[in-house]
C-alpha cells in the first residue's frame, strides 16, 4: 500500500501570543535553537572507551521583528526590564509561536517559557529610502517546548 506524502509547511504564515501584550503582527520571528550538551566520562578501568551522557540544555534567543507603529507595548516591556531587571514581577512572559497553514489552521505551536527582552534595535532613519522602519526585539528565554 502506498504511503501518502505530506508537503512541509511554509513559514510565512504565523502568529504570536505574548501574555499581557497586544501586538498586531510581526514580520519575522525566529524559533530558538535548543542544544543538549554532552559530558564525556571515562572510568580508569576502561582504557579504551569513554561514555557520553547528556548534560545541560541551553536555548538560543528568540528574535521578533515588526514594523514600527504607534504601539509602545513591546518597547515599554523592554524599558521596564532595562530599569528594574529581569526578575521583577511581570518581566518574564510566556510566548506562543503558532505556524498557520494555507487554510488558516494552526499546525505547529512552540511555547516559550519565561522570556524577557534583552536587546532592542531599530533600523536607522534615512531620507533617501522609503523602506519601512523595523523594530527588533531579542528575548532571552528559560526554555521552549513544541506542543504540536
N, C-alpha and C. Protein backbone atom coordinates (compact mmCIF):
# COMPACT_ATOMS: atom_id res chain seq x y z
N UNK A 1 0.83 -1.17 0.00
CA UNK A 1 0.00 0.00 0.00
C UNK A 1 0.89 1.24 0.00
N UNK A 2 0.58 2.20 -0.85
CA UNK A 2 1.38 3.40 -0.99
C UNK A 2 1.17 4.34 0.19
N UNK A 3 2.24 4.97 0.61
CA UNK A 3 2.18 5.94 1.68
C UNK A 3 1.93 7.32 1.08
N UNK A 4 0.98 8.04 1.65
CA UNK A 4 0.68 9.37 1.15
C UNK A 4 1.72 10.35 1.68
N UNK A 5 2.32 11.13 0.77
CA UNK A 5 3.32 12.12 1.16
C UNK A 5 2.64 13.39 1.65
N UNK A 6 3.21 13.99 2.66
CA UNK A 6 2.71 15.25 3.18
C UNK A 6 3.72 16.34 2.88
N UNK A 7 3.27 17.40 2.27
CA UNK A 7 4.17 18.51 1.97
C UNK A 7 4.51 19.25 3.25
N UNK A 8 5.74 19.73 3.37
CA UNK A 8 6.10 20.50 4.56
C UNK A 8 5.39 21.86 4.55
N UNK A 9 5.22 22.40 5.73
CA UNK A 9 4.54 23.69 5.87
C UNK A 9 5.50 24.82 5.50
N UNK A 10 4.94 25.90 5.05
CA UNK A 10 5.72 27.09 4.74
C UNK A 10 5.72 28.01 5.94
N UNK A 11 6.80 28.73 6.11
CA UNK A 11 6.98 29.53 7.33
C UNK A 11 6.54 30.97 7.23
N UNK A 12 5.71 31.33 6.26
CA UNK A 12 5.36 32.74 6.11
C UNK A 12 4.05 33.14 6.78
N UNK A 13 3.26 32.17 7.26
CA UNK A 13 2.03 32.50 7.98
C UNK A 13 2.18 32.03 9.42
N UNK A 14 2.17 33.00 10.32
CA UNK A 14 2.35 32.67 11.74
C UNK A 14 1.73 33.77 12.58
N UNK A 15 1.52 33.45 13.83
CA UNK A 15 1.06 34.45 14.79
C UNK A 15 1.76 34.21 16.11
N UNK A 16 1.79 35.25 16.92
CA UNK A 16 2.40 35.16 18.24
C UNK A 16 1.39 35.56 19.29
N UNK A 17 1.46 34.89 20.41
CA UNK A 17 0.67 35.27 21.59
C UNK A 17 1.67 35.56 22.69
N UNK A 18 1.63 36.79 23.19
CA UNK A 18 2.51 37.21 24.27
C UNK A 18 1.62 37.56 25.45
N UNK A 19 1.82 36.89 26.58
CA UNK A 19 0.94 37.12 27.73
C UNK A 19 1.00 38.58 28.16
N UNK A 20 -0.17 39.22 28.15
CA UNK A 20 -0.29 40.58 28.63
C UNK A 20 0.06 41.67 27.63
N UNK A 21 0.42 41.33 26.40
CA UNK A 21 0.79 42.33 25.41
C UNK A 21 0.01 42.09 24.13
N UNK A 22 -0.60 43.14 23.63
CA UNK A 22 -1.34 43.06 22.37
C UNK A 22 -0.48 43.66 21.25
N UNK A 23 -0.09 42.84 20.29
CA UNK A 23 0.68 43.29 19.15
C UNK A 23 -0.01 42.79 17.90
N UNK A 24 -0.20 43.67 16.94
CA UNK A 24 -0.95 43.31 15.74
C UNK A 24 -0.24 42.23 14.93
N UNK A 25 1.02 42.46 14.59
CA UNK A 25 1.68 41.47 13.74
C UNK A 25 3.19 41.64 13.79
N UNK A 26 3.85 40.58 13.35
CA UNK A 26 5.30 40.57 13.25
C UNK A 26 5.66 40.17 11.83
N UNK A 27 6.76 40.70 11.33
CA UNK A 27 7.20 40.32 10.00
C UNK A 27 8.14 39.12 10.05
N UNK A 28 8.74 38.89 11.21
CA UNK A 28 9.69 37.78 11.33
C UNK A 28 9.81 37.36 12.79
N UNK A 29 9.93 36.07 13.00
CA UNK A 29 10.18 35.53 14.34
C UNK A 29 11.08 34.31 14.19
N UNK A 30 12.13 34.26 14.99
CA UNK A 30 12.99 33.08 14.96
C UNK A 30 12.52 32.09 16.02
N UNK A 31 12.68 30.84 15.74
CA UNK A 31 12.41 29.80 16.74
C UNK A 31 13.77 29.49 17.37
N UNK A 32 13.90 29.68 18.68
CA UNK A 32 15.20 29.48 19.32
C UNK A 32 15.73 28.06 19.13
N UNK A 33 17.04 27.95 19.00
CA UNK A 33 17.65 26.63 18.91
C UNK A 33 17.76 26.05 20.32
N UNK A 34 17.82 24.74 20.40
CA UNK A 34 17.99 24.04 21.68
C UNK A 34 19.13 23.05 21.51
N UNK A 35 20.03 23.05 22.47
CA UNK A 35 21.20 22.19 22.40
C UNK A 35 21.38 21.44 23.72
N UNK A 36 21.53 20.13 23.64
CA UNK A 36 21.83 19.33 24.81
C UNK A 36 23.34 19.08 24.80
N UNK A 37 24.01 19.60 25.81
CA UNK A 37 25.45 19.41 25.90
C UNK A 37 25.75 17.95 26.24
N UNK A 38 26.93 17.50 25.82
CA UNK A 38 27.34 16.14 26.17
C UNK A 38 28.49 16.21 27.16
N UNK A 39 28.47 15.27 28.08
CA UNK A 39 29.52 15.15 29.08
C UNK A 39 30.19 13.80 28.85
N UNK A 40 31.47 13.83 28.58
CA UNK A 40 32.22 12.59 28.36
C UNK A 40 32.79 12.10 29.69
N UNK A 41 32.74 10.78 29.87
CA UNK A 41 33.21 10.18 31.11
C UNK A 41 33.97 8.90 30.77
N UNK A 42 35.09 8.74 31.39
CA UNK A 42 35.88 7.52 31.18
C UNK A 42 36.31 7.00 32.54
N UNK A 43 36.04 5.72 32.77
CA UNK A 43 36.47 5.09 34.02
C UNK A 43 37.91 4.62 33.87
N UNK A 44 38.62 4.62 34.97
CA UNK A 44 40.02 4.21 34.94
C UNK A 44 40.22 2.76 34.59
N UNK A 45 39.19 1.94 34.79
CA UNK A 45 39.32 0.52 34.48
C UNK A 45 39.05 0.21 33.02
N UNK A 46 38.59 1.22 32.28
CA UNK A 46 38.29 1.03 30.85
C UNK A 46 39.22 1.93 30.05
N UNK A 47 40.37 1.42 29.63
CA UNK A 47 41.38 2.27 28.99
C UNK A 47 41.05 2.65 27.54
N UNK A 48 40.03 2.05 26.95
CA UNK A 48 39.80 2.25 25.53
C UNK A 48 38.61 3.13 25.18
N UNK A 49 37.56 3.09 25.98
CA UNK A 49 36.32 3.75 25.60
C UNK A 49 35.90 4.79 26.64
N UNK A 50 35.24 5.79 26.14
CA UNK A 50 34.60 6.74 27.04
C UNK A 50 33.10 6.72 26.75
N UNK A 51 32.33 7.07 27.74
CA UNK A 51 30.88 7.12 27.59
C UNK A 51 30.43 8.57 27.57
N UNK A 52 29.36 8.82 26.86
CA UNK A 52 28.79 10.17 26.79
C UNK A 52 27.45 10.19 27.50
N UNK A 53 27.23 11.24 28.26
CA UNK A 53 25.98 11.45 28.96
C UNK A 53 25.42 12.81 28.56
N UNK A 54 24.12 12.95 28.72
CA UNK A 54 23.53 14.26 28.44
C UNK A 54 23.82 15.20 29.59
N UNK A 55 24.10 16.46 29.22
CA UNK A 55 24.38 17.49 30.21
C UNK A 55 23.27 18.53 30.23
N UNK A 56 23.64 19.76 30.41
CA UNK A 56 22.68 20.85 30.47
C UNK A 56 22.09 21.14 29.09
N UNK A 57 20.85 21.58 29.07
CA UNK A 57 20.22 22.01 27.83
C UNK A 57 20.24 23.53 27.80
N UNK A 58 20.69 24.08 26.68
CA UNK A 58 20.72 25.53 26.52
C UNK A 58 19.84 25.93 25.35
N UNK A 59 19.31 27.14 25.43
CA UNK A 59 18.40 27.65 24.41
C UNK A 59 18.93 28.96 23.86
N UNK A 60 18.74 29.14 22.57
CA UNK A 60 19.14 30.39 21.92
C UNK A 60 18.14 31.50 22.20
N UNK A 61 18.34 32.60 21.54
CA UNK A 61 17.48 33.78 21.70
C UNK A 61 16.28 33.71 20.77
N UNK A 62 15.19 34.29 21.19
CA UNK A 62 14.00 34.47 20.36
C UNK A 62 14.08 35.89 19.81
N UNK A 63 14.05 36.04 18.49
CA UNK A 63 14.12 37.35 17.87
C UNK A 63 12.80 37.66 17.20
N UNK A 64 12.26 38.83 17.49
CA UNK A 64 10.99 39.28 16.92
C UNK A 64 11.23 40.57 16.14
N UNK A 65 10.71 40.63 14.92
CA UNK A 65 10.82 41.84 14.11
C UNK A 65 9.43 42.29 13.70
N UNK A 66 9.21 43.60 13.80
CA UNK A 66 7.93 44.17 13.42
C UNK A 66 8.12 45.58 12.91
N UNK A 67 7.20 46.00 12.07
CA UNK A 67 7.22 47.37 11.59
C UNK A 67 6.93 48.33 12.73
N UNK A 68 7.61 49.47 12.73
CA UNK A 68 7.43 50.48 13.76
C UNK A 68 6.04 51.12 13.62
N UNK A 69 5.27 51.12 14.69
CA UNK A 69 3.93 51.72 14.71
C UNK A 69 3.80 52.59 15.96
N UNK A 70 2.58 53.04 16.24
CA UNK A 70 2.32 53.83 17.45
C UNK A 70 2.36 52.98 18.71
N UNK A 71 2.24 51.67 18.59
CA UNK A 71 2.21 50.79 19.76
C UNK A 71 3.56 50.83 20.49
N UNK A 72 3.48 51.06 21.79
CA UNK A 72 4.68 51.11 22.63
C UNK A 72 4.77 49.91 23.58
N UNK A 73 3.86 48.95 23.45
CA UNK A 73 3.79 47.84 24.40
C UNK A 73 5.10 47.08 24.52
N UNK A 74 5.66 46.64 23.40
CA UNK A 74 6.91 45.87 23.46
C UNK A 74 8.07 46.72 23.95
N UNK A 75 8.16 47.96 23.48
CA UNK A 75 9.25 48.82 23.93
C UNK A 75 9.13 49.12 25.42
N UNK A 76 7.93 49.35 25.91
CA UNK A 76 7.74 49.61 27.35
C UNK A 76 8.15 48.40 28.18
N UNK A 77 7.89 47.20 27.67
CA UNK A 77 8.34 45.97 28.35
C UNK A 77 9.86 45.96 28.43
N UNK A 78 10.52 46.26 27.31
CA UNK A 78 11.98 46.33 27.30
C UNK A 78 12.48 47.38 28.29
N UNK A 79 11.87 48.56 28.28
CA UNK A 79 12.30 49.64 29.16
C UNK A 79 12.15 49.26 30.63
N UNK A 80 11.07 48.55 30.99
CA UNK A 80 10.88 48.10 32.37
C UNK A 80 11.99 47.14 32.78
N UNK A 81 12.33 46.21 31.89
CA UNK A 81 13.40 45.25 32.20
C UNK A 81 14.74 45.97 32.30
N UNK A 82 14.99 46.94 31.42
CA UNK A 82 16.24 47.69 31.47
C UNK A 82 16.36 48.47 32.78
N UNK A 83 15.24 48.97 33.27
CA UNK A 83 15.26 49.76 34.50
C UNK A 83 15.26 48.90 35.76
N UNK A 84 14.43 47.86 35.80
CA UNK A 84 14.22 47.09 37.03
C UNK A 84 14.90 45.73 37.04
N UNK A 85 15.37 45.24 35.90
CA UNK A 85 15.97 43.91 35.84
C UNK A 85 14.96 42.86 35.38
N UNK A 86 15.45 41.66 35.12
CA UNK A 86 14.60 40.61 34.55
C UNK A 86 13.85 39.81 35.61
N UNK A 87 14.04 40.14 36.88
CA UNK A 87 13.40 39.33 37.93
C UNK A 87 12.20 40.01 38.58
N UNK A 88 11.87 41.25 38.19
CA UNK A 88 10.71 41.90 38.80
C UNK A 88 9.44 41.25 38.28
N UNK A 89 8.38 41.38 39.06
CA UNK A 89 7.11 40.76 38.68
C UNK A 89 6.61 41.35 37.36
N UNK A 90 6.33 40.50 36.40
CA UNK A 90 5.86 40.94 35.09
C UNK A 90 6.95 41.05 34.05
N UNK A 91 8.22 40.89 34.43
CA UNK A 91 9.31 40.98 33.46
C UNK A 91 9.33 39.78 32.53
N UNK A 92 9.08 38.60 33.09
CA UNK A 92 9.14 37.39 32.29
C UNK A 92 7.74 37.01 31.82
N UNK A 93 7.62 36.77 30.52
CA UNK A 93 6.31 36.45 29.93
C UNK A 93 6.42 35.18 29.11
N UNK A 94 5.30 34.47 29.03
CA UNK A 94 5.23 33.28 28.18
C UNK A 94 4.74 33.70 26.80
N UNK A 95 5.30 33.06 25.79
CA UNK A 95 5.00 33.39 24.40
C UNK A 95 4.70 32.11 23.65
N UNK A 96 3.74 32.16 22.75
CA UNK A 96 3.47 31.03 21.86
C UNK A 96 3.69 31.49 20.43
N UNK A 97 4.45 30.69 19.68
CA UNK A 97 4.65 30.89 18.24
C UNK A 97 3.79 29.85 17.55
N UNK A 98 2.91 30.29 16.67
CA UNK A 98 1.95 29.37 16.04
C UNK A 98 2.11 29.44 14.53
N UNK A 99 2.39 28.30 13.92
CA UNK A 99 2.50 28.20 12.46
C UNK A 99 1.13 27.90 11.90
N UNK A 100 0.74 28.64 10.86
CA UNK A 100 -0.59 28.51 10.27
C UNK A 100 -0.44 28.03 8.83
N UNK A 101 -1.27 27.06 8.43
CA UNK A 101 -1.20 26.57 7.05
C UNK A 101 -2.00 27.47 6.12
N UNK A 102 -2.07 27.11 4.85
CA UNK A 102 -2.73 27.94 3.84
C UNK A 102 -4.24 28.03 4.03
N UNK A 103 -4.83 27.12 4.82
CA UNK A 103 -6.27 27.19 5.07
C UNK A 103 -6.59 28.01 6.32
N UNK A 104 -5.56 28.45 7.03
CA UNK A 104 -5.77 29.23 8.25
C UNK A 104 -5.80 28.41 9.52
N UNK A 105 -5.48 27.12 9.43
CA UNK A 105 -5.48 26.25 10.61
C UNK A 105 -4.11 26.26 11.28
N UNK A 106 -4.10 26.24 12.61
CA UNK A 106 -2.85 26.15 13.36
C UNK A 106 -2.29 24.74 13.21
N UNK A 107 -1.04 24.63 12.78
CA UNK A 107 -0.44 23.32 12.53
C UNK A 107 0.73 22.98 13.44
N UNK A 108 1.43 23.98 13.94
CA UNK A 108 2.54 23.73 14.86
C UNK A 108 2.55 24.85 15.88
N UNK A 109 2.96 24.51 17.11
CA UNK A 109 2.98 25.50 18.19
C UNK A 109 4.19 25.26 19.07
N UNK A 110 4.92 26.33 19.32
CA UNK A 110 6.04 26.31 20.24
C UNK A 110 5.70 27.24 21.40
N UNK A 111 5.83 26.74 22.61
CA UNK A 111 5.61 27.55 23.80
C UNK A 111 6.97 27.94 24.37
N UNK A 112 7.18 29.23 24.49
CA UNK A 112 8.42 29.78 25.03
C UNK A 112 8.10 30.25 26.44
N UNK A 113 8.87 29.77 27.40
CA UNK A 113 8.58 30.00 28.81
C UNK A 113 9.57 31.00 29.40
N UNK A 114 9.02 31.95 30.15
CA UNK A 114 9.80 32.96 30.89
C UNK A 114 10.77 33.73 29.99
N UNK A 115 10.22 34.38 28.98
CA UNK A 115 11.02 35.21 28.08
C UNK A 115 11.05 36.64 28.59
N UNK A 116 12.17 37.31 28.35
CA UNK A 116 12.29 38.74 28.68
C UNK A 116 13.20 39.41 27.67
N UNK A 117 12.90 40.67 27.32
CA UNK A 117 13.68 41.35 26.28
C UNK A 117 15.07 41.72 26.79
N UNK A 118 16.08 41.31 26.05
CA UNK A 118 17.46 41.61 26.44
C UNK A 118 18.16 42.54 25.43
N UNK A 119 17.50 42.81 24.31
CA UNK A 119 18.11 43.72 23.32
C UNK A 119 17.01 44.35 22.48
N UNK A 120 17.19 45.63 22.18
CA UNK A 120 16.26 46.36 21.30
C UNK A 120 17.09 47.09 20.27
N UNK A 121 16.64 47.05 19.02
CA UNK A 121 17.26 47.87 17.99
C UNK A 121 16.22 48.23 16.94
N UNK A 122 16.50 49.29 16.22
CA UNK A 122 15.60 49.76 15.17
C UNK A 122 16.44 50.12 13.96
N UNK A 123 15.83 50.00 12.79
CA UNK A 123 16.53 50.44 11.59
C UNK A 123 16.73 51.95 11.69
N UNK A 124 17.71 52.44 10.99
CA UNK A 124 18.04 53.86 11.06
C UNK A 124 17.10 54.71 10.23
N UNK A 125 17.25 55.99 10.42
CA UNK A 125 16.49 56.98 9.66
C UNK A 125 17.31 57.33 8.42
N UNK A 126 16.65 57.29 7.26
CA UNK A 126 17.36 57.55 6.01
C UNK A 126 16.40 58.24 5.05
N UNK A 127 16.68 59.49 4.73
CA UNK A 127 15.80 60.28 3.88
C UNK A 127 15.81 59.85 2.42
N UNK A 128 16.77 59.01 2.03
CA UNK A 128 16.87 58.62 0.62
C UNK A 128 16.15 57.31 0.30
N UNK A 129 15.46 56.70 1.29
CA UNK A 129 14.73 55.46 1.03
C UNK A 129 13.29 55.59 1.50
N UNK A 130 12.48 54.68 1.05
CA UNK A 130 11.09 54.62 1.53
C UNK A 130 10.82 53.30 2.25
N UNK A 131 11.88 52.68 2.76
CA UNK A 131 11.74 51.41 3.47
C UNK A 131 10.96 51.59 4.77
N UNK A 132 10.27 50.54 5.16
CA UNK A 132 9.55 50.53 6.43
C UNK A 132 10.56 50.44 7.56
N UNK A 133 10.35 51.22 8.61
CA UNK A 133 11.21 51.10 9.79
C UNK A 133 10.84 49.83 10.54
N UNK A 134 11.84 49.09 10.97
CA UNK A 134 11.63 47.81 11.63
C UNK A 134 12.26 47.84 13.02
N UNK A 135 11.48 47.43 14.02
CA UNK A 135 11.99 47.25 15.37
C UNK A 135 12.36 45.78 15.56
N UNK A 136 13.48 45.52 16.21
CA UNK A 136 13.91 44.16 16.50
C UNK A 136 14.04 44.01 18.01
N UNK A 137 13.40 42.98 18.54
CA UNK A 137 13.48 42.66 19.96
C UNK A 137 14.12 41.29 20.09
N UNK A 138 15.19 41.21 20.87
CA UNK A 138 15.83 39.92 21.15
C UNK A 138 15.45 39.53 22.57
N UNK A 139 14.90 38.32 22.72
CA UNK A 139 14.43 37.86 24.02
C UNK A 139 15.25 36.68 24.50
N UNK A 140 15.62 36.73 25.76
CA UNK A 140 16.27 35.61 26.43
C UNK A 140 15.16 34.74 27.01
N UNK A 141 15.31 33.43 26.90
CA UNK A 141 14.25 32.53 27.35
C UNK A 141 14.79 31.52 28.35
N UNK A 142 13.91 31.00 29.18
CA UNK A 142 14.30 29.94 30.10
C UNK A 142 14.30 28.60 29.38
N UNK A 143 13.18 28.29 28.71
CA UNK A 143 13.13 27.08 27.90
C UNK A 143 11.98 27.16 26.92
N UNK A 144 11.92 26.18 26.03
CA UNK A 144 10.91 26.14 24.97
C UNK A 144 10.50 24.71 24.73
N UNK A 145 9.22 24.50 24.38
CA UNK A 145 8.74 23.19 24.02
C UNK A 145 7.88 23.30 22.78
N UNK A 146 7.93 22.28 21.93
CA UNK A 146 6.99 22.21 20.80
C UNK A 146 5.85 21.31 21.26
N UNK A 147 4.63 21.86 21.24
CA UNK A 147 3.49 21.12 21.75
C UNK A 147 2.61 20.55 20.66
N UNK A 148 2.77 21.00 19.43
CA UNK A 148 2.04 20.40 18.32
C UNK A 148 2.77 20.67 17.02
